[in-house]
């Protein structure tokens, strides 16, 4: 959780999380990638993906991610996971994965199939990316409830102020940093390496606990000045109060991440809050149906 990770070790870790080896992709993975990419090309999401690909920031791609391969990965995943399809923001997540694999020594020929395997795996796993992009965004709602509860317990005056100005966490947490697990800000508000380092912990723990700590840190360090909505929302959505810049020195990134990781947020707490949200959501749905 602390210190540096070499690009090669990062690639091996991320592949291992998806139960993939560090060598060339297996023949069945290559075949599945080719077939699903072809199916996605003819599918309903191709037009939406084509609109988003040119907007994926060059700073995130880092000069090593080919937009055509990024497009192919997204189309293949949309075909593989019809319950997910494609949702705005997935291009940032796929780009982070492609970049990590490329910088870790993977060949261009292997990168697409491996990234497809990793992303498809993460979208299927509870506690990772499952539910972040499906209809109704159930996991985004679950995670925003957890954050709002933790914030109310940690800084009740800030929580009350955000509610008063209409910037409650349940709304603000739909901000790009939550749904994309901070990939949206890689190479822009924050250096890519800071986001990739958080993803290292995510991949190692196989749970969103690291992102919960980072998200809570983002909220806890909001300036305590009772700012109005038009000031608070840009801070929440674009991290203006924590904007390091894509080329910030490593010390600044390390300091921010280590401060977030000291927060006492456990997997058990997050899972309990998720179940609490599910119970409340079920009660609300039952009441509405009556």
C-alpha atoms as a PDB file:
ATOM      1  CA  UNK A   1       0.000   0.000   0.000  1.00  0.00           C
ATOM      2  CA  UNK A   2       2.940   2.351   0.521  1.00  0.00           C
ATOM      3  CA  UNK A   3       5.949   3.010  -1.692  1.00  0.00           C
ATOM      4  CA  UNK A   4       6.434   2.600  -5.416  1.00  0.00           C
ATOM      5  CA  UNK A   5       5.316  -0.141  -7.785  1.00  0.00           C
ATOM      6  CA  UNK A   6       7.278  -0.792 -10.944  1.00  0.00           C
ATOM      7  CA  UNK A   7       5.304  -0.759 -14.212  1.00  0.00           C
ATOM      8  CA  UNK A   8       6.130  -4.432 -14.771  1.00  0.00           C
ATOM      9  CA  UNK A   9       4.909  -5.420 -11.293  1.00  0.00           C
ATOM     10  CA  UNK A  10       1.753  -3.353 -11.823  1.00  0.00           C
ATOM     11  CA  UNK A  11       1.000  -5.170 -15.062  1.00  0.00           C
ATOM     12  CA  UNK A  12       1.505  -8.562 -13.414  1.00  0.00           C
ATOM     13  CA  UNK A  13      -0.727  -7.607 -10.460  1.00  0.00           C
ATOM     14  CA  UNK A  14      -3.570  -6.312 -12.591  1.00  0.00           C
ATOM     15  CA  UNK A  15      -3.498  -9.357 -14.838  1.00  0.00           C
ATOM     16  CA  UNK A  16      -3.391 -11.689 -11.837  1.00  0.00           C
ATOM     17  CA  UNK A  17      -6.495 -10.006 -10.419  1.00  0.00           C
ATOM     18  CA  UNK A  18      -8.328 -11.154 -13.545  1.00  0.00           C
ATOM     19  CA  UNK A  19      -6.660 -14.589 -13.299  1.00  0.00           C
ATOM     20  CA  UNK A  20      -4.559 -13.900 -16.386  1.00  0.00           C
ATOM     21  CA  UNK A  21      -0.900 -14.757 -16.743  1.00  0.00           C
ATOM     22  CA  UNK A  22       1.795 -12.197 -17.641  1.00  0.00           C
ATOM     23  CA  UNK A  23       2.638 -13.881 -20.949  1.00  0.00           C
ATOM     24  CA  UNK A  24       0.774 -13.655 -24.239  1.00  0.00           C
ATOM     25  CA  UNK A  25      -3.024 -13.952 -23.966  1.00  0.00           C
ATOM     26  CA  UNK A  26      -4.430 -17.455 -24.126  1.00  0.00           C
ATOM     27  CA  UNK A  27      -5.855 -18.537 -27.465  1.00  0.00           C
ATOM     28  CA  UNK A  28      -9.400 -18.637 -26.065  1.00  0.00           C
ATOM     29  CA  UNK A  29      -9.075 -15.061 -24.784  1.00  0.00           C
ATOM     30  CA  UNK A  30      -7.793 -13.849 -28.144  1.00  0.00           C
ATOM     31  CA  UNK A  31     -10.669 -15.597 -29.908  1.00  0.00           C
ATOM     32  CA  UNK A  32     -13.266 -14.210 -27.504  1.00  0.00           C
ATOM     33  CA  UNK A  33     -11.835 -10.700 -27.895  1.00  0.00           C
ATOM     34  CA  UNK A  34     -11.930 -10.867 -31.688  1.00  0.00           C
ATOM     35  CA  UNK A  35     -15.458 -12.306 -31.759  1.00  0.00           C
ATOM     36  CA  UNK A  36     -16.859  -9.854 -29.204  1.00  0.00           C
ATOM     37  CA  UNK A  37     -15.179  -6.876 -30.875  1.00  0.00           C
ATOM     38  CA  UNK A  38     -16.804  -7.867 -34.177  1.00  0.00           C
ATOM     39  CA  UNK A  39     -20.174  -8.289 -32.455  1.00  0.00           C
ATOM     40  CA  UNK A  40     -19.767  -4.919 -30.745  1.00  0.00           C
ATOM     41  CA  UNK A  41     -18.982  -3.269 -34.063  1.00  0.00           C
ATOM     42  CA  UNK A  42     -22.441  -4.225 -35.247  1.00  0.00           C
ATOM     43  CA  UNK A  43     -24.108  -3.593 -31.893  1.00  0.00           C
ATOM     44  CA  UNK A  44     -26.172  -0.762 -30.480  1.00  0.00           C
ATOM     45  CA  UNK A  45     -23.302   0.900 -28.593  1.00  0.00           C
ATOM     46  CA  UNK A  46     -20.916   1.563 -31.486  1.00  0.00           C
ATOM     47  CA  UNK A  47     -22.222   5.053 -32.193  1.00  0.00           C
ATOM     48  CA  UNK A  48     -22.010   6.138 -28.544  1.00  0.00           C
ATOM     49  CA  UNK A  49     -18.492   4.751 -28.192  1.00  0.00           C
ATOM     50  CA  UNK A  50     -17.462   6.591 -31.361  1.00  0.00           C
ATOM     51  CA  UNK A  51     -18.686   9.863 -29.849  1.00  0.00           C
ATOM     52  CA  UNK A  52     -16.653   9.376 -26.669  1.00  0.00           C
ATOM     53  CA  UNK A  53     -13.339   8.065 -28.002  1.00  0.00           C
ATOM     54  CA  UNK A  54     -12.143  11.402 -29.466  1.00  0.00           C
ATOM     55  CA  UNK A  55     -12.927  13.066 -26.125  1.00  0.00           C
ATOM     56  CA  UNK A  56     -10.802  10.705 -24.029  1.00  0.00           C
ATOM     57  CA  UNK A  57      -7.989  13.038 -22.867  1.00  0.00           C
ATOM     58  CA  UNK A  58      -4.556  12.659 -24.419  1.00  0.00           C
ATOM     59  CA  UNK A  59      -3.058  13.192 -20.950  1.00  0.00           C
ATOM     60  CA  UNK A  60      -4.729   9.996 -19.793  1.00  0.00           C
ATOM     61  CA  UNK A  61      -3.625   8.013 -22.847  1.00  0.00           C
ATOM     62  CA  UNK A  62      -0.020   8.987 -22.103  1.00  0.00           C
ATOM     63  CA  UNK A  63       1.183   8.476 -25.649  1.00  0.00           C
ATOM     64  CA  UNK A  64       0.970   4.680 -25.263  1.00  0.00           C
ATOM     65  CA  UNK A  65      -2.760   3.976 -25.658  1.00  0.00           C
ATOM     66  CA  UNK A  66      -4.065   3.788 -29.206  1.00  0.00           C
ATOM     67  CA  UNK A  67      -7.591   5.194 -29.540  1.00  0.00           C
ATOM     68  CA  UNK A  68      -8.495   2.492 -32.054  1.00  0.00           C
ATOM     69  CA  UNK A  69      -7.581  -0.230 -29.568  1.00  0.00           C
ATOM     70  CA  UNK A  70      -9.457   1.598 -26.820  1.00  0.00           C
ATOM     71  CA  UNK A  71     -12.527   1.648 -29.053  1.00  0.00           C
ATOM     72  CA  UNK A  72     -12.161  -2.060 -29.825  1.00  0.00           C
ATOM     73  CA  UNK A  73     -11.890  -2.968 -26.129  1.00  0.00           C
ATOM     74  CA  UNK A  74     -15.032  -1.008 -25.276  1.00  0.00           C
ATOM     75  CA  UNK A  75     -17.030  -2.562 -28.115  1.00  0.00           C
ATOM     76  CA  UNK A  76     -15.886  -6.053 -27.123  1.00  0.00           C
ATOM     77  CA  UNK A  77     -16.842  -5.499 -23.472  1.00  0.00           C
ATOM     78  CA  UNK A  78     -20.236  -4.097 -24.510  1.00  0.00           C
ATOM     79  CA  UNK A  79     -20.896  -7.263 -26.490  1.00  0.00           C
ATOM     80  CA  UNK A  80     -19.579  -9.548 -23.731  1.00  0.00           C
ATOM     81  CA  UNK A  81     -21.629  -7.804 -21.023  1.00  0.00           C
ATOM     82  CA  UNK A  82     -24.997  -6.807 -22.566  1.00  0.00           C
ATOM     83  CA  UNK A  83     -26.303  -6.022 -19.073  1.00  0.00           C
ATOM     84  CA  UNK A  84     -23.706  -3.251 -18.978  1.00  0.00           C
ATOM     85  CA  UNK A  85     -23.286  -2.298 -22.620  1.00  0.00           C
ATOM     86  CA  UNK A  86     -21.441   0.989 -22.724  1.00  0.00           C
ATOM     87  CA  UNK A  87     -21.804   3.957 -20.402  1.00  0.00           C
ATOM     88  CA  UNK A  88     -19.966   7.277 -20.471  1.00  0.00           C
ATOM     89  CA  UNK A  89     -16.919   7.075 -18.246  1.00  0.00           C
ATOM     90  CA  UNK A  90     -16.018   3.511 -19.156  1.00  0.00           C
ATOM     91  CA  UNK A  91     -13.550   4.878 -21.720  1.00  0.00           C
ATOM     92  CA  UNK A  92     -11.507   6.403 -18.866  1.00  0.00           C
ATOM     93  CA  UNK A  93     -11.422   3.110 -16.973  1.00  0.00           C
ATOM     94  CA  UNK A  94     -10.451   1.136 -20.072  1.00  0.00           C
ATOM     95  CA  UNK A  95      -7.742   3.697 -20.880  1.00  0.00           C
ATOM     96  CA  UNK A  96      -6.213   3.371 -17.399  1.00  0.00           C
ATOM     97  CA  UNK A  97      -6.089  -0.407 -17.822  1.00  0.00           C
ATOM     98  CA  UNK A  98      -4.621  -0.247 -21.342  1.00  0.00           C
ATOM     99  CA  UNK A  99      -1.980   2.236 -20.221  1.00  0.00           C
ATOM    100  CA  UNK A 100      -0.929   0.185 -17.202  1.00  0.00           C
ATOM    101  CA  UNK A 101      -0.561  -2.930 -19.331  1.00  0.00           C
ATOM    102  CA  UNK A 102       1.356  -1.095 -22.057  1.00  0.00           C
ATOM    103  CA  UNK A 103       3.748   0.636 -19.653  1.00  0.00           C
ATOM    104  CA  UNK A 104       4.351  -2.680 -17.931  1.00  0.00           C
ATOM    105  CA  UNK A 105       5.931  -4.139 -21.034  1.00  0.00           C
ATOM    106  CA  UNK A 106       2.945  -5.608 -22.827  1.00  0.00           C
ATOM    107  CA  UNK A 107       3.002  -5.600 -26.611  1.00  0.00           C
ATOM    108  CA  UNK A 108       0.460  -3.702 -28.682  1.00  0.00           C
ATOM    109  CA  UNK A 109      -0.775  -7.017 -30.058  1.00  0.00           C
ATOM    110  CA  UNK A 110      -1.458  -8.363 -26.558  1.00  0.00           C
ATOM    111  CA  UNK A 111      -2.746  -5.205 -24.869  1.00  0.00           C
ATOM    112  CA  UNK A 112      -6.271  -5.183 -26.250  1.00  0.00           C
ATOM    113  CA  UNK A 113      -7.090  -8.802 -25.412  1.00  0.00           C
ATOM    114  CA  UNK A 114      -5.615  -8.478 -21.916  1.00  0.00           C
ATOM    115  CA  UNK A 115      -7.451  -5.180 -21.229  1.00  0.00           C
ATOM    116  CA  UNK A 116     -10.689  -6.766 -22.439  1.00  0.00           C
ATOM    117  CA  UNK A 117     -10.158  -9.678 -20.041  1.00  0.00           C
ATOM    118  CA  UNK A 118      -9.358  -7.414 -17.087  1.00  0.00           C
ATOM    119  CA  UNK A 119     -12.256  -5.008 -17.622  1.00  0.00           C
ATOM    120  CA  UNK A 120     -14.798  -7.772 -18.228  1.00  0.00           C
ATOM    121  CA  UNK A 121     -13.623  -9.475 -15.022  1.00  0.00           C
ATOM    122  CA  UNK A 122     -13.843  -6.302 -12.905  1.00  0.00           C
ATOM    123  CA  UNK A 123     -17.365  -5.583 -14.186  1.00  0.00           C
ATOM    124  CA  UNK A 124     -18.452  -9.015 -12.959  1.00  0.00           C
ATOM    125  CA  UNK A 125     -17.037  -8.782  -9.433  1.00  0.00           C
ATOM    126  CA  UNK A 126     -18.873  -7.494  -6.378  1.00  0.00           C
ATOM    127  CA  UNK A 127     -16.881  -4.845  -4.544  1.00  0.00           C
ATOM    128  CA  UNK A 128     -14.967  -3.923  -7.697  1.00  0.00           C
ATOM    129  CA  UNK A 129     -16.755  -2.430 -10.743  1.00  0.00           C
ATOM    130  CA  UNK A 130     -19.918  -4.544 -10.760  1.00  0.00           C
ATOM    131  CA  UNK A 131     -23.049  -2.380 -10.748  1.00  0.00           C
ATOM    132  CA  UNK A 132     -21.307   0.921 -11.473  1.00  0.00           C
ATOM    133  CA  UNK A 133     -22.563   1.045 -15.053  1.00  0.00           C
ATOM    134  CA  UNK A 134     -25.681  -1.129 -15.111  1.00  0.00           C
ATOM    135  CA  UNK A 135     -29.157   0.377 -15.425  1.00  0.00           C
ATOM    136  CA  UNK A 136     -29.979   2.598 -12.469  1.00  0.00           C
ATOM    137  CA  UNK A 137     -26.313   2.645 -11.344  1.00  0.00           C
ATOM    138  CA  UNK A 138     -27.049   0.560  -8.227  1.00  0.00           C
ATOM    139  CA  UNK A 139     -23.440   0.407  -7.043  1.00  0.00           C
ATOM    140  CA  UNK A 140     -22.925   4.158  -7.448  1.00  0.00           C
ATOM    141  CA  UNK A 141     -25.990   4.716  -5.274  1.00  0.00           C
ATOM    142  CA  UNK A 142     -24.785   2.147  -2.749  1.00  0.00           C
ATOM    143  CA  UNK A 143     -21.327   3.702  -2.538  1.00  0.00           C
ATOM    144  CA  UNK A 144     -22.648   7.246  -2.321  1.00  0.00           C
ATOM    145  CA  UNK A 145     -24.855   6.177   0.600  1.00  0.00           C
ATOM    146  CA  UNK A 146     -21.824   4.708   2.353  1.00  0.00           C
ATOM    147  CA  UNK A 147     -19.827   7.905   1.793  1.00  0.00           C
ATOM    148  CA  UNK A 148     -22.665  10.101   2.985  1.00  0.00           C
ATOM    149  CA  UNK A 149     -23.032   8.017   6.170  1.00  0.00           C
ATOM    150  CA  UNK A 150     -19.286   8.090   6.846  1.00  0.00           C
ATOM    151  CA  UNK A 151     -19.134  11.845   6.254  1.00  0.00           C
ATOM    152  CA  UNK A 152     -22.060  12.480   8.608  1.00  0.00           C
ATOM    153  CA  UNK A 153     -20.302  10.461  11.295  1.00  0.00           C
ATOM    154  CA  UNK A 154     -16.925  12.144  10.747  1.00  0.00           C
ATOM    155  CA  UNK A 155     -17.785  15.766   9.950  1.00  0.00           C
ATOM    156  CA  UNK A 156     -21.476  16.268  10.749  1.00  0.00           C
ATOM    157  CA  UNK A 157     -21.313  20.050  10.284  1.00  0.00           C
ATOM    158  CA  UNK A 158     -19.935  19.676   6.742  1.00  0.00           C
ATOM    159  CA  UNK A 159     -22.472  16.960   5.942  1.00  0.00           C
ATOM    160  CA  UNK A 160     -25.303  19.219   7.113  1.00  0.00           C
ATOM    161  CA  UNK A 161     -23.954  22.158   5.096  1.00  0.00           C
ATOM    162  CA  UNK A 162     -23.736  20.094   1.909  1.00  0.00           C
ATOM    163  CA  UNK A 163     -27.335  18.985   2.427  1.00  0.00           C
ATOM    164  CA  UNK A 164     -28.419  22.582   3.075  1.00  0.00           C
ATOM    165  CA  UNK A 165     -26.926  23.906  -0.167  1.00  0.00           C
ATOM    166  CA  UNK A 166     -28.214  20.952  -2.216  1.00  0.00           C
ATOM    167  CA  UNK A 167     -24.840  19.270  -2.720  1.00  0.00           C
ATOM    168  CA  UNK A 168     -25.588  16.124  -0.729  1.00  0.00           C
ATOM    169  CA  UNK A 169     -23.136  13.318  -1.268  1.00  0.00           C
ATOM    170  CA  UNK A 170     -25.795  11.114  -2.880  1.00  0.00           C
ATOM    171  CA  UNK A 171     -25.941  13.689  -5.698  1.00  0.00           C
ATOM    172  CA  UNK A 172     -22.337  14.797  -5.743  1.00  0.00           C
ATOM    173  CA  UNK A 173     -21.040  11.226  -5.673  1.00  0.00           C
ATOM    174  CA  UNK A 174     -22.293  10.751  -9.214  1.00  0.00           C
ATOM    175  CA  UNK A 175     -19.364  13.039  -9.961  1.00  0.00           C
ATOM    176  CA  UNK A 176     -16.881  11.433 -12.327  1.00  0.00           C
ATOM    177  CA  UNK A 177     -14.392  10.518  -9.628  1.00  0.00           C
ATOM    178  CA  UNK A 178     -16.691   7.973  -8.020  1.00  0.00           C
ATOM    179  CA  UNK A 179     -18.153   6.230 -11.049  1.00  0.00           C
ATOM    180  CA  UNK A 180     -14.777   5.969 -12.793  1.00  0.00           C
ATOM    181  CA  UNK A 181     -12.820   5.157  -9.624  1.00  0.00           C
ATOM    182  CA  UNK A 182     -10.865   8.395 -10.160  1.00  0.00           C
ATOM    183  CA  UNK A 183      -9.784   7.413 -13.695  1.00  0.00           C
ATOM    184  CA  UNK A 184     -11.593  10.535 -14.940  1.00  0.00           C
ATOM    185  CA  UNK A 185      -8.975  12.751 -13.290  1.00  0.00           C
ATOM    186  CA  UNK A 186      -5.866  10.780 -14.254  1.00  0.00           C
ATOM    187  CA  UNK A 187      -3.454  13.024 -16.137  1.00  0.00           C
ATOM    188  CA  UNK A 188      -5.613  16.104 -15.490  1.00  0.00           C
ATOM    189  CA  UNK A 189      -6.512  17.143 -11.937  1.00  0.00           C
ATOM    190  CA  UNK A 190      -4.218  14.423 -10.615  1.00  0.00           C
ATOM    191  CA  UNK A 191      -1.137  12.743 -12.079  1.00  0.00           C
ATOM    192  CA  UNK A 192      -1.822   9.428 -13.786  1.00  0.00           C
ATOM    193  CA  UNK A 193       0.591   7.716 -11.389  1.00  0.00           C
ATOM    194  CA  UNK A 194      -1.458   8.776  -8.346  1.00  0.00           C
ATOM    195  CA  UNK A 195      -4.590   7.202  -9.811  1.00  0.00           C
ATOM    196  CA  UNK A 196      -2.693   4.112 -10.976  1.00  0.00           C
ATOM    197  CA  UNK A 197      -1.208   3.697  -7.489  1.00  0.00           C
ATOM    198  CA  UNK A 198      -4.716   3.771  -5.994  1.00  0.00           C
ATOM    199  CA  UNK A 199      -5.729   1.165  -8.564  1.00  0.00           C
ATOM    200  CA  UNK A 200      -2.773  -0.987  -7.459  1.00  0.00           C
ATOM    201  CA  UNK A 201      -4.256  -1.113  -3.950  1.00  0.00           C
ATOM    202  CA  UNK A 202      -7.720  -1.742  -5.425  1.00  0.00           C
ATOM    203  CA  UNK A 203      -6.408  -4.668  -7.465  1.00  0.00           C
ATOM    204  CA  UNK A 204      -4.461  -6.082  -4.526  1.00  0.00           C
ATOM    205  CA  UNK A 205      -7.364  -5.883  -2.069  1.00  0.00           C
ATOM    206  CA  UNK A 206     -10.018  -6.692  -4.712  1.00  0.00           C
ATOM    207  CA  UNK A 207     -12.377  -4.247  -3.060  1.00  0.00           C
ATOM    208  CA  UNK A 208     -13.268  -0.561  -3.445  1.00  0.00           C
ATOM    209  CA  UNK A 209     -12.078   0.269   0.103  1.00  0.00           C
ATOM    210  CA  UNK A 210      -9.110   2.265  -1.240  1.00  0.00           C
ATOM    211  CA  UNK A 211     -11.394   4.410  -3.393  1.00  0.00           C
ATOM    212  CA  UNK A 212     -13.751   4.894  -0.445  1.00  0.00           C
ATOM    213  CA  UNK A 213     -10.871   6.250   1.628  1.00  0.00           C
ATOM    214  CA  UNK A 214      -9.751   8.487  -1.218  1.00  0.00           C
ATOM    215  CA  UNK A 215     -13.310   9.725  -1.778  1.00  0.00           C
ATOM    216  CA  UNK A 216     -13.814  10.408   1.921  1.00  0.00           C
ATOM    217  CA  UNK A 217     -10.537  12.324   2.001  1.00  0.00           C
ATOM    218  CA  UNK A 218     -11.771  14.453  -0.919  1.00  0.00           C
ATOM    219  CA  UNK A 219     -14.838  15.327   1.148  1.00  0.00           C
ATOM    220  CA  UNK A 220     -13.119  15.807   4.493  1.00  0.00           C
ATOM    221  CA  UNK A 221     -10.657  18.388   3.171  1.00  0.00           C
ATOM    222  CA  UNK A 222     -13.313  20.606   1.623  1.00  0.00           C
ATOM    223  CA  UNK A 223     -12.731  24.158   2.899  1.00  0.00           C
ATOM    224  CA  UNK A 224     -14.938  24.758   5.981  1.00  0.00           C
ATOM    225  CA  UNK A 225     -16.191  28.134   4.829  1.00  0.00           C
ATOM    226  CA  UNK A 226     -19.911  27.478   4.282  1.00  0.00           C
ATOM    227  CA  UNK A 227     -19.511  28.020   0.539  1.00  0.00           C
ATOM    228  CA  UNK A 228     -22.607  28.144  -1.704  1.00  0.00           C
ATOM    229  CA  UNK A 229     -23.568  25.430  -4.192  1.00  0.00           C
ATOM    230  CA  UNK A 230     -21.887  27.114  -7.177  1.00  0.00           C
ATOM    231  CA  UNK A 231     -18.576  26.946  -5.321  1.00  0.00           C
ATOM    232  CA  UNK A 232     -18.963  23.505  -3.726  1.00  0.00           C
ATOM    233  CA  UNK A 233     -20.021  21.550  -6.798  1.00  0.00           C
ATOM    234  CA  UNK A 234     -16.946  22.382  -8.942  1.00  0.00           C
ATOM    235  CA  UNK A 235     -14.803  21.369  -5.981  1.00  0.00           C
ATOM    236  CA  UNK A 236     -16.583  18.031  -5.738  1.00  0.00           C
ATOM    237  CA  UNK A 237     -16.851  17.316  -9.449  1.00  0.00           C
ATOM    238  CA  UNK A 238     -13.495  18.643 -10.668  1.00  0.00           C
ATOM    239  CA  UNK A 239     -11.471  18.342  -7.437  1.00  0.00           C
ATOM    240  CA  UNK A 240     -10.581  22.026  -7.648  1.00  0.00           C
ATOM    241  CA  UNK A 241      -9.705  22.124  -3.944  1.00  0.00           C
ATOM    242  CA  UNK A 242      -7.248  19.223  -4.433  1.00  0.00           C
ATOM    243  CA  UNK A 243      -6.068  19.962  -7.939  1.00  0.00           C
ATOM    244  CA  UNK A 244      -2.440  18.860  -8.197  1.00  0.00           C
ATOM    245  CA  UNK A 245      -2.195  18.943 -11.985  1.00  0.00           C
ATOM    246  CA  UNK A 246      -1.219  16.115 -14.278  1.00  0.00           C
ATOM    247  CA  UNK A 247       2.491  16.891 -13.916  1.00  0.00           C
ATOM    248  CA  UNK A 248       2.617  17.312 -10.130  1.00  0.00           C
ATOM    249  CA  UNK A 249       5.779  16.018  -8.417  1.00  0.00           C
ATOM    250  CA  UNK A 250       5.660  12.455  -7.028  1.00  0.00           C
ATOM    251  CA  UNK A 251       5.908  13.744  -3.441  1.00  0.00           C
ATOM    252  CA  UNK A 252       2.579  15.555  -3.742  1.00  0.00           C
ATOM    253  CA  UNK A 253       0.841  12.440  -5.084  1.00  0.00           C
ATOM    254  CA  UNK A 254       2.371  10.220  -2.427  1.00  0.00           C
ATOM    255  CA  UNK A 255       1.348  12.596   0.346  1.00  0.00           C
ATOM    256  CA  UNK A 256      -2.273  12.780  -0.822  1.00  0.00           C
ATOM    257  CA  UNK A 257      -2.690   9.038  -1.235  1.00  0.00           C
ATOM    258  CA  UNK A 258      -1.012   8.182   2.068  1.00  0.00           C
ATOM    259  CA  UNK A 259      -3.211  10.702   3.891  1.00  0.00           C
ATOM    260  CA  UNK A 260      -6.291   9.035   2.409  1.00  0.00           C
ATOM    261  CA  UNK A 261      -5.104   5.529   3.276  1.00  0.00           C
ATOM    262  CA  UNK A 262      -4.752   6.443   6.954  1.00  0.00           C
ATOM    263  CA  UNK A 263      -8.513   6.921   7.249  1.00  0.00           C
ATOM    264  CA  UNK A 264     -10.139   4.147   9.271  1.00  0.00           C
ATOM    265  CA  UNK A 265     -12.579   2.761   6.737  1.00  0.00           C
ATOM    266  CA  UNK A 266     -12.800  -1.023   6.690  1.00  0.00           C
ATOM    267  CA  UNK A 267     -14.155  -3.489   4.185  1.00  0.00           C
ATOM    268  CA  UNK A 268     -16.595  -4.785   6.811  1.00  0.00           C
ATOM    269  CA  UNK A 269     -17.957  -1.273   7.431  1.00  0.00           C
ATOM    270  CA  UNK A 270     -18.460  -0.631   3.727  1.00  0.00           C
ATOM    271  CA  UNK A 271     -20.118  -4.004   3.186  1.00  0.00           C
ATOM    272  CA  UNK A 272     -22.427  -3.416   6.183  1.00  0.00           C
ATOM    273  CA  UNK A 273     -23.392   0.014   4.823  1.00  0.00           C
ATOM    274  CA  UNK A 274     -24.055  -1.547   1.435  1.00  0.00           C
ATOM    275  CA  UNK A 275     -26.435  -4.060   2.985  1.00  0.00           C
ATOM    276  CA  UNK A 276     -28.077  -1.269   4.986  1.00  0.00           C
ATOM    277  CA  UNK A 277     -28.648   0.663   1.763  1.00  0.00           C
ATOM    278  CA  UNK A 278     -30.099  -2.424   0.077  1.00  0.00           C
ATOM    279  CA  UNK A 279     -32.578  -2.900   2.939  1.00  0.00           C
ATOM    280  CA  UNK A 280     -33.645   0.743   2.853  1.00  0.00           C
ATOM    281  CA  UNK A 281     -33.951   0.648  -0.924  1.00  0.00           C
ATOM    282  CA  UNK A 282     -36.096  -2.497  -0.771  1.00  0.00           C
ATOM    283  CA  UNK A 283     -38.353  -0.887   1.848  1.00  0.00           C
ATOM    284  CA  UNK A 284     -38.755   2.206  -0.306  1.00  0.00           C
ATOM    285  CA  UNK A 285     -39.587   0.112  -3.368  1.00  0.00           C
ATOM    286  CA  UNK A 286     -42.142  -1.921  -1.403  1.00  0.00           C
ATOM    287  CA  UNK A 287     -43.766   1.233  -0.033  1.00  0.00           C
ATOM    288  CA  UNK A 288     -43.968   2.707  -3.538  1.00  0.00           C
ATOM    289  CA  UNK A 289     -45.594  -0.466  -4.865  1.00  0.00           C
ATOM    290  CA  UNK A 290     -48.327  -0.421  -2.237  1.00  0.00           C
END
